[in-house]
Amino acid sequence: MGLLAVGAGLAALTACTPEVSGPPSGTSASAVPSPTVPSPTVPSPTGSPTPTAARHTAPAPATGALPPSASLAKQHSLSDPRSPWVVVNKHRPLTPRQFVPPDLVQPAVQLATSGESALLNSTTAAAAARLFAAAAAGGVTLTLASGYRSFQSQTATYSGYVSSRGQAAADTASARPGFSEHQTGWAFDIGDGGGACSFQPCFAEQPAAVWVKANAYKYGFVVRYPWMLHETTGYYYEPWHLRYIGAEAAGDMAKRGILTVEEYFGLEPAPGYF
């Protein structure tokens, strides 16, 4: 969700959208499977029918998973955008749609972006600093590739896609204004310190992606759009997109093998807009 890419075929693989006035040539845009044309067999991000490495394959979601543990169940709102548990997807827009986090700050991390996209809300920024420091201690360099995105920026991006491709196609390439996690300040995209495969399917193989997949929960983050769960989240696998929900909830999800916040909080899948 600020993005570089590898061609038109990649446009159907990502949920994050660059801050541009129209659909850039050769860039990866926020794409999702069409809600009206479900595919019984979804290609992997690498274009092959199955993952190319074991670490690409997420374990199956917990069967009959229960809501958060009792101690967490009523801790935070799922609809207030100031809550770390707010769930934003294609069925759940922000309220208000033009929400602006009141505490945007620039985190003390290595940046690969500038302007508003270098900002996060203060809680996420502090957690991100701890996450990045732990990764560095483990020999992995993370960069902040795209953070906050305002309603106005998302409007410009989405409108550019509509003008170029029509609304139906735009909805497979860009989040509608008011429906993007980036607007909350609770989510951001990472890059690898080596700069390889930014916002491309091959990012899943980079040290940054491998490390956060294994460790992000310790610092309160989840990989928001896991492998092969686009029918729940509305977006194909994005190993670069992290979402802060707090260390307790993220740890609880990891312990119980639950991979999406929709399942964890007992919400319906949101593969497409109503």
Protein backbone atom coordinates (compact mmCIF):
# COMPACT_ATOMS: atom_id res chain seq x y z
CA MET A 1 0.00 0.00 0.00
CA GLY A 2 3.33 3.40 -2.02
CA LEU A 3 4.60 1.10 -4.57
CA LEU A 4 7.09 -0.10 -7.14
CA ALA A 5 6.30 -3.04 -9.33
CA VAL A 6 7.12 -5.44 -12.06
CA GLY A 7 4.43 -5.11 -14.68
CA ALA A 8 0.77 -5.47 -15.41
CA GLY A 9 0.55 -9.04 -14.17
CA LEU A 10 1.58 -7.92 -10.68
CA ALA A 11 -1.34 -5.49 -10.53
CA ALA A 12 -3.53 -8.32 -9.28
CA LEU A 13 -1.32 -9.20 -6.35
CA THR A 14 -1.19 -6.29 -3.92
CA ALA A 15 -3.42 -4.40 -1.51
CA CYS A 16 -1.30 -1.31 -1.09
CA THR A 17 -1.49 1.68 -3.39
CA PRO A 18 1.14 4.27 -4.30
CA GLU A 19 0.57 7.94 -3.63
CA VAL A 20 0.23 9.06 -7.23
CA SER A 21 -2.31 11.05 -9.20
CA GLY A 22 -3.00 8.19 -11.58
CA PRO A 23 -2.01 4.62 -12.27
CA PRO A 24 1.73 4.71 -12.98
CA SER A 25 3.19 2.62 -15.73
CA GLY A 26 5.01 -0.44 -14.48
CA THR A 27 4.14 0.02 -10.83
CA SER A 28 2.47 -2.32 -8.44
CA ALA A 29 -0.87 -1.08 -7.27
CA SER A 30 -3.30 -2.19 -4.65
CA ALA A 31 -4.94 -5.11 -6.26
CA VAL A 32 -7.28 -7.79 -5.08
CA PRO A 33 -9.25 -10.64 -6.59
CA SER A 34 -12.44 -9.54 -8.32
CA PRO A 35 -15.38 -10.11 -5.97
CA THR A 36 -17.56 -11.01 -8.94
CA VAL A 37 -15.22 -13.54 -10.54
CA PRO A 38 -13.95 -15.89 -7.84
CA SER A 39 -11.19 -18.17 -8.96
CA PRO A 40 -11.16 -21.77 -7.76
CA THR A 41 -7.39 -21.90 -8.15
CA VAL A 42 -5.44 -18.82 -7.18
CA PRO A 43 -1.95 -18.46 -8.61
CA SER A 44 0.90 -17.96 -6.21
CA PRO A 45 2.65 -14.57 -6.07
CA THR A 46 5.44 -16.06 -8.15
CA GLY A 47 3.03 -17.13 -10.88
CA SER A 48 3.24 -20.85 -10.12
CA PRO A 49 0.22 -22.76 -8.82
CA THR A 50 1.91 -23.61 -5.54
CA PRO A 51 4.38 -21.80 -3.27
CA THR A 52 8.02 -22.02 -4.24
CA ALA A 53 9.23 -22.30 -0.68
CA ALA A 54 7.80 -23.83 2.46
CA ARG A 55 7.84 -20.51 4.26
CA HIS A 56 5.38 -19.12 1.71
CA THR A 57 2.73 -21.55 2.88
CA ALA A 58 0.90 -20.38 5.96
CA PRO A 59 -0.59 -23.00 8.25
CA ALA A 60 -4.32 -23.48 7.96
CA PRO A 61 -6.40 -21.18 10.17
CA ALA A 62 -7.52 -22.69 13.43
CA THR A 63 -10.75 -24.63 12.95
CA GLY A 64 -13.64 -23.27 14.98
CA ALA A 65 -11.41 -20.55 16.38
CA LEU A 66 -12.82 -18.64 19.30
CA PRO A 67 -12.75 -14.87 19.76
CA PRO A 68 -9.83 -13.35 21.69
CA SER A 69 -9.02 -14.81 25.07
CA ALA A 70 -11.33 -13.61 27.83
CA SER A 71 -8.75 -11.21 29.22
CA LEU A 72 -8.54 -9.48 25.84
CA ALA A 73 -12.11 -9.79 24.60
CA LYS A 74 -13.38 -6.31 25.45
CA GLN A 75 -10.14 -4.42 25.60
CA HIS A 76 -10.50 -2.26 22.48
CA SER A 77 -13.07 -1.11 19.95
CA LEU A 78 -13.20 -2.75 16.51
CA SER A 79 -14.73 0.36 14.90
CA ASP A 80 -13.02 3.38 16.49
CA PRO A 81 -10.09 4.31 14.19
CA ARG A 82 -8.12 5.42 17.27
CA SER A 83 -8.25 1.83 18.56
CA PRO A 84 -5.38 -0.58 17.86
CA TRP A 85 -8.03 -3.21 17.12
CA VAL A 86 -9.98 -1.24 14.52
CA VAL A 87 -10.72 -3.53 11.59
CA VAL A 88 -10.69 -1.82 8.20
CA ASN A 89 -11.56 -3.89 5.17
CA LYS A 90 -13.90 -3.84 2.17
CA HIS A 91 -16.92 -4.28 4.43
CA ARG A 92 -15.71 -1.94 7.16
CA PRO A 93 -14.76 1.61 6.12
CA LEU A 94 -13.29 4.09 8.53
CA THR A 95 -15.72 6.21 10.55
CA PRO A 96 -15.39 9.04 9.80
CA ARG A 97 -14.09 8.28 6.34
CA GLN A 98 -11.80 11.30 6.40
CA PHE A 99 -10.26 10.32 9.73
CA VAL A 100 -6.83 11.76 10.48
CA PRO A 101 -4.80 10.26 13.36
CA PRO A 102 -4.30 13.00 15.97
CA ASP A 103 -0.78 11.91 16.92
CA LEU A 104 1.16 11.33 13.72
CA VAL A 105 4.92 11.23 14.23
CA GLN A 106 7.98 10.10 12.31
CA PRO A 107 9.33 6.90 13.85
CA ALA A 108 12.98 6.50 14.74
CA VAL A 109 13.63 3.92 12.04
CA GLN A 110 15.41 3.73 8.70
CA LEU A 111 13.22 5.42 6.09
CA ALA A 112 12.80 4.58 2.42
CA THR A 113 10.07 7.19 1.94
CA SER A 114 9.30 10.79 2.87
CA GLY A 115 6.43 13.18 3.48
CA GLU A 116 3.22 11.90 5.04
CA SER A 117 4.10 8.29 4.20
CA ALA A 118 7.03 8.52 6.65
CA LEU A 119 4.55 9.02 9.51
CA LEU A 120 2.73 6.62 11.86
CA ASN A 121 0.59 7.18 14.92
CA SER A 122 2.69 7.50 18.07
CA THR A 123 1.90 4.02 19.45
CA THR A 124 2.75 2.28 16.19
CA ALA A 125 5.86 4.42 15.76
CA ALA A 126 7.21 3.37 19.18
CA ALA A 127 6.47 -0.31 18.49
CA ALA A 128 8.03 -0.04 15.04
CA ALA A 129 11.23 1.34 16.57
CA ARG A 130 11.43 -1.71 18.85
CA LEU A 131 10.69 -4.05 15.94
CA PHE A 132 13.34 -2.51 13.69
CA ALA A 133 15.93 -2.52 16.51
CA ALA A 134 15.28 -6.20 17.24
CA ALA A 135 15.61 -7.06 13.56
CA ALA A 136 18.90 -5.15 13.38
CA ALA A 137 20.17 -7.04 16.42
CA GLY A 138 19.38 -10.22 14.50
CA GLY A 139 21.34 -9.03 11.48
CA VAL A 140 18.33 -7.96 9.40
CA THR A 141 17.79 -4.40 8.17
CA LEU A 142 14.21 -3.22 7.80
CA THR A 143 13.15 0.03 6.16
CA LEU A 144 9.88 1.91 6.39
CA ALA A 145 8.65 1.94 2.80
CA SER A 146 5.16 3.41 3.24
CA GLY A 147 3.28 4.49 6.33
CA TYR A 148 0.37 6.88 6.73
CA ARG A 149 -1.71 7.76 3.68
CA SER A 150 -4.32 10.48 3.97
CA PHE A 151 -7.88 10.33 2.64
CA GLN A 152 -6.91 12.97 0.08
CA SER A 153 -3.93 10.96 -1.16
CA GLN A 154 -6.02 7.81 -1.44
CA THR A 155 -8.75 9.74 -3.27
CA ALA A 156 -6.26 10.99 -5.84
CA THR A 157 -4.82 7.52 -6.34
CA TYR A 158 -8.18 5.77 -6.62
CA SER A 159 -9.60 8.47 -8.93
CA GLY A 160 -6.64 8.03 -11.24
CA TYR A 161 -7.38 4.34 -11.59
CA VAL A 162 -11.09 4.99 -12.18
CA SER A 163 -10.31 7.54 -14.90
CA SER A 164 -7.89 5.18 -16.60
CA ARG A 165 -9.59 1.80 -16.17
CA GLY A 166 -13.15 2.30 -14.94
CA GLN A 167 -14.45 1.64 -11.44
CA ALA A 168 -14.71 -2.15 -11.68
CA ALA A 169 -11.05 -2.45 -12.62
CA ALA A 170 -10.04 0.27 -10.17
CA ASP A 171 -11.54 -1.76 -7.34
CA THR A 172 -9.09 -4.56 -8.15
CA ALA A 173 -6.15 -2.16 -8.15
CA SER A 174 -6.71 0.37 -5.37
CA ALA A 175 -8.44 0.65 -2.02
CA ARG A 176 -11.33 3.08 -2.07
CA PRO A 177 -10.84 6.27 -0.04
CA GLY A 178 -11.73 5.60 3.57
CA PHE A 179 -11.13 1.84 3.23
CA SER A 180 -7.33 1.80 3.59
CA GLU A 181 -5.51 0.65 6.73
CA HIS A 182 -2.76 3.11 5.90
CA GLN A 183 -5.13 5.97 6.76
CA THR A 184 -5.37 4.77 10.37
CA GLY A 185 -1.68 5.15 11.21
CA TRP A 186 -1.71 1.59 12.58
CA ALA A 187 -0.22 -0.02 9.44
CA PHE A 188 2.87 0.31 7.30
CA ASP A 189 4.86 -1.41 4.59
CA ILE A 190 8.44 -2.52 5.10
CA GLY A 191 11.33 -2.87 2.72
CA ASP A 192 14.51 -4.90 3.00
CA GLY A 193 17.74 -3.06 3.72
CA GLY A 194 19.23 -4.48 0.54
CA GLY A 195 16.47 -2.87 -1.50
CA ALA A 196 15.55 -6.05 -3.34
CA CYS A 197 12.04 -6.99 -4.47
CA SER A 198 10.24 -4.00 -2.96
CA PHE A 199 6.47 -4.54 -3.26
CA GLN A 200 7.04 -7.56 -5.47
CA PRO A 201 6.09 -11.21 -4.86
CA CYS A 202 9.76 -12.13 -4.45
CA PHE A 203 9.88 -9.95 -1.33
CA ALA A 204 8.59 -12.99 0.56
CA GLU A 205 12.08 -14.51 0.11
CA GLN A 206 13.98 -11.51 1.44
CA PRO A 207 15.48 -11.52 4.96
CA ALA A 208 13.16 -8.73 6.10
CA ALA A 209 10.01 -10.65 5.17
CA VAL A 210 11.26 -13.93 6.62
CA TRP A 211 12.24 -12.24 9.88
CA VAL A 212 9.00 -10.32 10.44
CA LYS A 213 6.88 -13.35 9.60
CA ALA A 214 8.60 -15.21 12.43
CA ASN A 215 9.00 -12.38 14.93
CA ALA A 216 6.65 -9.45 14.33
CA TYR A 217 4.02 -10.73 16.78
CA LYS A 218 6.48 -10.24 19.67
CA TYR A 219 6.29 -6.50 19.06
CA GLY A 220 2.55 -6.30 18.47
CA PHE A 221 2.40 -6.70 14.70
CA VAL A 222 0.76 -9.16 12.32
CA VAL A 223 1.30 -9.69 8.61
CA ARG A 224 -2.14 -8.37 7.76
CA TYR A 225 -2.67 -10.08 4.39
CA PRO A 226 -1.40 -13.66 4.70
CA TRP A 227 -0.79 -16.18 1.97
CA MET A 228 -3.92 -17.68 0.37
CA LEU A 229 -6.40 -15.93 2.67
CA HIS A 230 -7.54 -13.24 0.21
CA GLU A 231 -11.09 -14.56 0.35
CA THR A 232 -11.12 -13.45 3.99
CA THR A 233 -9.04 -10.26 3.90
CA GLY A 234 -9.87 -9.03 0.39
CA TYR A 235 -6.21 -8.86 -0.63
CA TYR A 236 -3.59 -11.25 -1.93
CA TYR A 237 -0.48 -12.04 0.09
CA GLU A 238 1.51 -8.97 1.12
CA PRO A 239 4.56 -10.03 3.14
CA TRP A 240 5.52 -6.36 3.46
CA HIS A 241 2.30 -5.03 5.05
CA LEU A 242 2.38 -5.01 8.85
CA ARG A 243 -0.44 -4.00 11.16
CA TYR A 244 -0.13 -3.14 14.86
CA ILE A 245 -2.73 -4.73 17.17
CA GLY A 246 -0.67 -4.90 20.38
CA ALA A 247 1.66 -7.57 21.73
CA GLU A 248 -1.03 -9.40 23.72
CA ALA A 249 -3.41 -9.84 20.81
CA ALA A 250 -0.66 -10.56 18.27
CA GLY A 251 0.87 -13.12 20.62
CA ASP A 252 -2.54 -14.70 21.23
CA MET A 253 -3.11 -15.00 17.47
CA ALA A 254 0.31 -16.58 16.98
CA LYS A 255 -0.17 -19.02 19.86
CA ARG A 256 -3.54 -20.15 18.53
CA GLY A 257 -2.55 -20.28 14.87
CA ILE A 258 -5.04 -17.62 13.76
CA LEU A 259 -3.79 -15.68 10.77
CA THR A 260 -6.37 -12.95 10.05
CA VAL A 261 -7.88 -10.29 12.27
CA GLU A 262 -11.26 -11.03 10.72
CA GLU A 263 -11.19 -14.55 12.13
CA TYR A 264 -9.61 -13.51 15.40
CA PHE A 265 -12.29 -10.93 16.13
CA GLY A 266 -15.13 -13.09 14.84
CA LEU A 267 -15.92 -10.94 11.80
CA GLU A 268 -17.22 -12.03 8.41
CA PRO A 269 -14.83 -12.39 5.47
CA ALA A 270 -14.60 -9.31 3.25
CA PRO A 271 -13.42 -10.39 -0.21
CA GLY A 272 -15.14 -7.47 -1.99
CA TYR A 273 -17.11 -4.30 -1.47
CA PHE A 274 -20.86 -4.52 -0.83
